[in-house]
Amino acid sequence: MKAFTLVELIIVLSVSI
């Protein structure tokens, strides 16, 4: 069970910006 996927990573980066 991967809680962190590439899609989630991109979303977090987008919010961080």
C-alpha atoms as a PDB file:
ATOM      1  CA  MET A   1       0.000   0.000   0.000  1.00  0.00           C
ATOM      2  CA  LYS A   2       1.737   3.114  -1.249  1.00  0.00           C
ATOM      3  CA  ALA A   3       0.423   6.197   0.520  1.00  0.00           C
ATOM      4  CA  PHE A   4       2.584   8.450  -1.618  1.00  0.00           C
ATOM      5  CA  THR A   5       2.215   8.171  -5.379  1.00  0.00           C
ATOM      6  CA  LEU A   6       3.669  10.287  -8.165  1.00  0.00           C
ATOM      7  CA  VAL A   7       0.320  12.010  -8.597  1.00  0.00           C
ATOM      8  CA  GLU A   8       0.176  12.945  -4.925  1.00  0.00           C
ATOM      9  CA  LEU A   9       3.766  14.164  -5.078  1.00  0.00           C
ATOM     10  CA  ILE A  10       2.920  16.473  -7.984  1.00  0.00           C
ATOM     11  CA  ILE A  11      -0.118  17.791  -6.108  1.00  0.00           C
ATOM     12  CA  VAL A  12       1.974  18.558  -3.034  1.00  0.00           C
ATOM     13  CA  LEU A  13       4.564  20.322  -5.175  1.00  0.00           C
ATOM     14  CA  SER A  14       1.851  22.352  -6.886  1.00  0.00           C
ATOM     15  CA  VAL A  15       0.444  23.444  -3.532  1.00  0.00           C
ATOM     16  CA  SER A  16       3.927  24.226  -2.242  1.00  0.00           C
ATOM     17  CA  ILE A  17       4.490  26.685  -5.076  1.00  0.00           C
END
